Amino acid sequence: MTYETVLNFSQTWGVIYFMALFVGVLIYALRPSARKKFEKAAHLPLEED
Protein backbone atom coordinates (compact mmCIF):
# COMPACT_ATOMS: atom_id res chain seq x y z
CA MET A 1 0.00 0.00 0.00
CA THR A 2 1.53 3.26 -1.09
CA TYR A 3 1.11 6.75 0.27
CA GLU A 4 -0.86 7.79 -2.81
CA THR A 5 -3.32 4.93 -2.32
CA VAL A 6 -3.95 5.87 1.31
CA LEU A 7 -4.24 9.54 0.38
CA ASN A 8 -6.77 8.83 -2.37
CA PHE A 9 -8.81 6.59 -0.08
CA SER A 10 -8.89 9.10 2.78
CA GLN A 11 -9.77 12.02 0.52
CA THR A 12 -12.61 10.15 -1.17
CA TRP A 13 -14.19 8.72 1.97
CA GLY A 14 -13.52 11.88 3.95
CA VAL A 15 -15.57 13.94 1.51
CA ILE A 16 -18.35 11.36 1.53
CA TYR A 17 -18.33 11.27 5.35
CA PHE A 18 -18.49 15.04 5.77
CA MET A 19 -21.19 15.41 3.11
CA ALA A 20 -23.32 12.81 4.90
CA LEU A 21 -22.71 14.58 8.20
CA PHE A 22 -23.69 17.94 6.66
CA VAL A 23 -26.90 16.52 5.19
CA GLY A 24 -27.73 14.93 8.54
CA VAL A 25 -27.29 18.24 10.38
CA LEU A 26 -29.45 20.02 7.79
CA ILE A 27 -32.21 17.46 8.17
CA TYR A 28 -32.01 17.75 11.97
CA ALA A 29 -32.11 21.54 11.94
CA LEU A 30 -34.80 22.01 9.31
CA ARG A 31 -37.33 19.41 10.40
CA PRO A 32 -40.69 20.92 11.31
CA SER A 33 -40.88 19.34 14.77
CA ALA A 34 -37.69 21.14 15.90
CA ARG A 35 -39.04 24.63 15.25
CA LYS A 36 -40.46 25.21 18.75
CA LYS A 37 -37.26 24.02 20.42
CA PHE A 38 -35.09 26.33 18.31
CA GLU A 39 -37.41 29.30 18.76
CA LYS A 40 -37.29 28.83 22.54
CA ALA A 41 -33.49 28.60 22.44
CA ALA A 42 -33.31 31.76 20.32
CA HIS A 43 -35.24 33.75 22.92
CA LEU A 44 -33.23 32.55 25.94
CA PRO A 45 -30.68 35.41 25.86
CA LEU A 46 -33.50 37.96 25.90
CA GLU A 47 -35.25 36.60 29.00
CA GLU A 48 -34.81 38.24 32.37
CA ASP A 49 -33.63 36.15 35.30
PDB file of N, CA and C in Angstrom:
ATOM      1  N   MET A   1       0.856  -1.169   0.000  1.00  0.00           N
ATOM      2  CA  MET A   1       0.000   0.000   0.000  1.00  0.00           C
ATOM      3  C   MET A   1       0.907   1.240   0.000  1.00  0.00           C
ATOM      4  N   THR A   2       0.697   2.080  -0.967  1.00  0.00           N
ATOM      5  CA  THR A   2       1.527   3.264  -1.094  1.00  0.00           C
ATOM      6  C   THR A   2       0.846   4.474  -0.452  1.00  0.00           C
ATOM      7  N   TYR A   3       1.626   5.508  -0.302  1.00  0.00           N
ATOM      8  CA  TYR A   3       1.107   6.753   0.267  1.00  0.00           C
ATOM      9  C   TYR A   3      -0.004   7.319  -0.599  1.00  0.00           C
ATOM     10  N   GLU A   4       0.146   7.251  -1.903  1.00  0.00           N
ATOM     11  CA  GLU A   4      -0.862   7.787  -2.813  1.00  0.00           C
ATOM     12  C   GLU A   4      -2.182   7.033  -2.693  1.00  0.00           C
ATOM     13  N   THR A   5      -2.105   5.726  -2.480  1.00  0.00           N
ATOM     14  CA  THR A   5      -3.319   4.926  -2.325  1.00  0.00           C
ATOM     15  C   THR A   5      -4.067   5.328  -1.053  1.00  0.00           C
ATOM     16  N   VAL A   6      -3.337   5.464   0.038  1.00  0.00           N
ATOM     17  CA  VAL A   6      -3.952   5.869   1.310  1.00  0.00           C
ATOM     18  C   VAL A   6      -4.510   7.281   1.197  1.00  0.00           C
ATOM     19  N   LEU A   7      -3.782   8.169   0.553  1.00  0.00           N
ATOM     20  CA  LEU A   7      -4.237   9.544   0.376  1.00  0.00           C
ATOM     21  C   LEU A   7      -5.525   9.596  -0.441  1.00  0.00           C
ATOM     22  N   ASN A   8      -5.580   8.862  -1.526  1.00  0.00           N
ATOM     23  CA  ASN A   8      -6.769   8.829  -2.374  1.00  0.00           C
ATOM     24  C   ASN A   8      -7.962   8.270  -1.607  1.00  0.00           C
ATOM     25  N   PHE A   9      -7.738   7.196  -0.868  1.00  0.00           N
ATOM     26  CA  PHE A   9      -8.811   6.588  -0.082  1.00  0.00           C
ATOM     27  C   PHE A   9      -9.343   7.562   0.967  1.00  0.00           C
ATOM     28  N   SER A  10      -8.447   8.204   1.708  1.00  0.00           N
ATOM     29  CA  SER A  10      -8.886   9.101   2.777  1.00  0.00           C
ATOM     30  C   SER A  10      -9.571  10.345   2.221  1.00  0.00           C
ATOM     31  N   GLN A  11      -9.117  10.853   1.104  1.00  0.00           N
ATOM     32  CA  GLN A  11      -9.770  12.024   0.516  1.00  0.00           C
ATOM     33  C   GLN A  11     -11.169  11.677   0.028  1.00  0.00           C
ATOM     34  N   THR A  12     -11.311  10.551  -0.636  1.00  0.00           N
ATOM     35  CA  THR A  12     -12.610  10.150  -1.173  1.00  0.00           C
ATOM     36  C   THR A  12     -13.608   9.905  -0.054  1.00  0.00           C
ATOM     37  N   TRP A  13     -13.249   9.060   0.903  1.00  0.00           N
ATOM     38  CA  TRP A  13     -14.189   8.721   1.967  1.00  0.00           C
ATOM     39  C   TRP A  13     -14.362   9.856   2.963  1.00  0.00           C
ATOM     40  N   GLY A  14     -13.369  10.716   3.094  1.00  0.00           N
ATOM     41  CA  GLY A  14     -13.518  11.883   3.955  1.00  0.00           C
ATOM     42  C   GLY A  14     -14.573  12.829   3.425  1.00  0.00           C
ATOM     43  N   VAL A  15     -14.559  13.066   2.130  1.00  0.00           N
ATOM     44  CA  VAL A  15     -15.568  13.941   1.513  1.00  0.00           C
ATOM     45  C   VAL A  15     -16.951  13.323   1.644  1.00  0.00           C
ATOM     46  N   ILE A  16     -17.054  12.034   1.410  1.00  0.00           N
ATOM     47  CA  ILE A  16     -18.352  11.358   1.535  1.00  0.00           C
ATOM     48  C   ILE A  16     -18.847  11.432   2.976  1.00  0.00           C
ATOM     49  N   TYR A  17     -17.959  11.207   3.938  1.00  0.00           N
ATOM     50  CA  TYR A  17     -18.330  11.266   5.354  1.00  0.00           C
ATOM     51  C   TYR A  17     -18.822  12.659   5.743  1.00  0.00           C
ATOM     52  N   PHE A  18     -18.093  13.691   5.372  1.00  0.00           N
ATOM     53  CA  PHE A  18     -18.494  15.043   5.765  1.00  0.00           C
ATOM     54  C   PHE A  18     -19.741  15.517   5.026  1.00  0.00           C
ATOM     55  N   MET A  19     -19.948  15.076   3.807  1.00  0.00           N
ATOM     56  CA  MET A  19     -21.194  15.414   3.107  1.00  0.00           C
ATOM     57  C   MET A  19     -22.387  14.758   3.793  1.00  0.00           C
ATOM     58  N   ALA A  20     -22.239  13.500   4.188  1.00  0.00           N
ATOM     59  CA  ALA A  20     -23.321  12.809   4.898  1.00  0.00           C
ATOM     60  C   ALA A  20     -23.590  13.480   6.238  1.00  0.00           C
ATOM     61  N   LEU A  21     -22.554  13.881   6.933  1.00  0.00           N
ATOM     62  CA  LEU A  21     -22.714  14.585   8.201  1.00  0.00           C
ATOM     63  C   LEU A  21     -23.426  15.918   7.997  1.00  0.00           C
ATOM     64  N   PHE A  22     -23.061  16.649   6.968  1.00  0.00           N
ATOM     65  CA  PHE A  22     -23.686  17.939   6.657  1.00  0.00           C
ATOM     66  C   PHE A  22     -25.168  17.764   6.340  1.00  0.00           C
ATOM     67  N   VAL A  23     -25.494  16.776   5.529  1.00  0.00           N
ATOM     68  CA  VAL A  23     -26.901  16.523   5.186  1.00  0.00           C
ATOM     69  C   VAL A  23     -27.677  16.120   6.431  1.00  0.00           C
ATOM     70  N   GLY A  24     -27.068  15.322   7.301  1.00  0.00           N
ATOM     71  CA  GLY A  24     -27.730  14.929   8.540  1.00  0.00           C
ATOM     72  C   GLY A  24     -28.012  16.118   9.443  1.00  0.00           C
ATOM     73  N   VAL A  25     -27.082  17.035   9.557  1.00  0.00           N
ATOM     74  CA  VAL A  25     -27.289  18.240  10.376  1.00  0.00           C
ATOM     75  C   VAL A  25     -28.378  19.112   9.761  1.00  0.00           C
ATOM     76  N   LEU A  26     -28.391  19.238   8.446  1.00  0.00           N
ATOM     77  CA  LEU A  26     -29.450  20.018   7.793  1.00  0.00           C
ATOM     78  C   LEU A  26     -30.827  19.417   8.050  1.00  0.00           C
ATOM     79  N   ILE A  27     -30.926  18.113   7.928  1.00  0.00           N
ATOM     80  CA  ILE A  27     -32.212  17.459   8.175  1.00  0.00           C
ATOM     81  C   ILE A  27     -32.636  17.666   9.620  1.00  0.00           C
ATOM     82  N   TYR A  28     -31.698  17.544  10.555  1.00  0.00           N
ATOM     83  CA  TYR A  28     -32.013  17.748  11.970  1.00  0.00           C
ATOM     84  C   TYR A  28     -32.478  19.182  12.233  1.00  0.00           C
ATOM     85  N   ALA A  29     -31.801  20.137  11.655  1.00  0.00           N
ATOM     86  CA  ALA A  29     -32.105  21.536  11.944  1.00  0.00           C
ATOM     87  C   ALA A  29     -33.358  22.028  11.234  1.00  0.00           C
ATOM     88  N   LEU A  30     -33.678  21.487  10.089  1.00  0.00           N
ATOM     89  CA  LEU A  30     -34.796  22.008   9.307  1.00  0.00           C
ATOM     90  C   LEU A  30     -36.077  21.187   9.415  1.00  0.00           C
ATOM     91  N   ARG A  31     -36.093  20.198  10.258  1.00  0.00           N
ATOM     92  CA  ARG A  31     -37.325  19.407  10.398  1.00  0.00           C
ATOM     93  C   ARG A  31     -38.382  20.241  11.116  1.00  0.00           C
ATOM     94  N   PRO A  32     -39.623  20.081  10.736  1.00  0.00           N
ATOM     95  CA  PRO A  32     -40.687  20.918  11.306  1.00  0.00           C
ATOM     96  C   PRO A  32     -40.877  20.743  12.810  1.00  0.00           C
ATOM     97  N   SER A  33     -40.634  19.563  13.343  1.00  0.00           N
ATOM     98  CA  SER A  33     -40.878  19.343  14.772  1.00  0.00           C
ATOM     99  C   SER A  33     -39.836  20.024  15.657  1.00  0.00           C
ATOM    100  N   ALA A  34     -38.728  20.486  15.102  1.00  0.00           N
ATOM    101  CA  ALA A  34     -37.690  21.136  15.897  1.00  0.00           C
ATOM    102  C   ALA A  34     -37.889  22.642  15.990  1.00  0.00           C
ATOM    103  N   ARG A  35     -38.861  23.175  15.312  1.00  0.00           N
ATOM    104  CA  ARG A  35     -39.045  24.626  15.251  1.00  0.00           C
ATOM    105  C   ARG A  35     -39.274  25.234  16.634  1.00  0.00           C
ATOM    106  N   LYS A  36     -40.158  24.642  17.429  1.00  0.00           N
ATOM    107  CA  LYS A  36     -40.459  25.209  18.752  1.00  0.00           C
ATOM    108  C   LYS A  36     -39.223  25.203  19.646  1.00  0.00           C
ATOM    109  N   LYS A  37     -38.448  24.119  19.583  1.00  0.00           N
ATOM    110  CA  LYS A  37     -37.257  24.023  20.418  1.00  0.00           C
ATOM    111  C   LYS A  37     -36.243  25.093  20.041  1.00  0.00           C
ATOM    112  N   PHE A  38     -36.054  25.324  18.750  1.00  0.00           N
ATOM    113  CA  PHE A  38     -35.086  26.328  18.305  1.00  0.00           C
ATOM    114  C   PHE A  38     -35.583  27.748  18.555  1.00  0.00           C
ATOM    115  N   GLU A  39     -36.881  27.974  18.446  1.00  0.00           N
ATOM    116  CA  GLU A  39     -37.414  29.302  18.758  1.00  0.00           C
ATOM    117  C   GLU A  39     -37.257  29.614  20.237  1.00  0.00           C
ATOM    118  N   LYS A  40     -37.482  28.618  21.097  1.00  0.00           N
ATOM    119  CA  LYS A  40     -37.292  28.826  22.535  1.00  0.00           C
ATOM    120  C   LYS A  40     -35.820  29.110  22.843  1.00  0.00           C
ATOM    121  N   ALA A  41     -34.919  28.391  22.222  1.00  0.00           N
ATOM    122  CA  ALA A  41     -33.490  28.602  22.440  1.00  0.00           C
ATOM    123  C   ALA A  41     -33.046  29.965  21.921  1.00  0.00           C
ATOM    124  N   ALA A  42     -33.673  30.459  20.871  1.00  0.00           N
ATOM    125  CA  ALA A  42     -33.306  31.761  20.318  1.00  0.00           C
ATOM    126  C   ALA A  42     -33.722  32.899  21.247  1.00  0.00           C
ATOM    127  N   HIS A  43     -34.762  32.691  22.024  1.00  0.00           N
ATOM    128  CA  HIS A  43     -35.243  33.746  22.923  1.00  0.00           C
ATOM    129  C   HIS A  43     -34.616  33.688  24.318  1.00  0.00           C
ATOM    130  N   LEU A  44     -33.845  32.667  24.624  1.00  0.00           N
ATOM    131  CA  LEU A  44     -33.235  32.553  25.943  1.00  0.00           C
ATOM    132  C   LEU A  44     -32.345  33.748  26.317  1.00  0.00           C
ATOM    133  N   PRO A  45     -31.514  34.271  25.445  1.00  0.00           N
ATOM    134  CA  PRO A  45     -30.682  35.413  25.865  1.00  0.00           C
ATOM    135  C   PRO A  45     -31.482  36.675  26.173  1.00  0.00           C
ATOM    136  N   LEU A  46     -32.701  36.758  25.698  1.00  0.00           N
ATOM    137  CA  LEU A  46     -33.503  37.965  25.898  1.00  0.00           C
ATOM    138  C   LEU A  46     -34.345  37.905  27.171  1.00  0.00           C
ATOM    139  N   GLU A  47     -34.427  36.745  27.803  1.00  0.00           N
ATOM    140  CA  GLU A  47     -35.248  36.602  28.995  1.00  0.00           C
ATOM    141  C   GLU A  47     -34.545  37.176  30.212  1.00  0.00           C
ATOM    142  N   GLU A  48     -35.339  37.731  31.113  1.00  0.00           N
ATOM    143  CA  GLU A  48     -34.813  38.243  32.374  1.00  0.00           C
ATOM    144  C   GLU A  48     -34.717  37.100  33.368  1.00  0.00           C
ATOM    145  N   ASP A  49     -33.752  37.183  34.254  1.00  0.00           N
ATOM    146  CA  ASP A  49     -33.627  36.148  35.299  1.00  0.00           C
ATOM    147  C   ASP A  49     -34.580  36.401  36.440  1.00  0.00           C
TER     148      ASP A  49
END
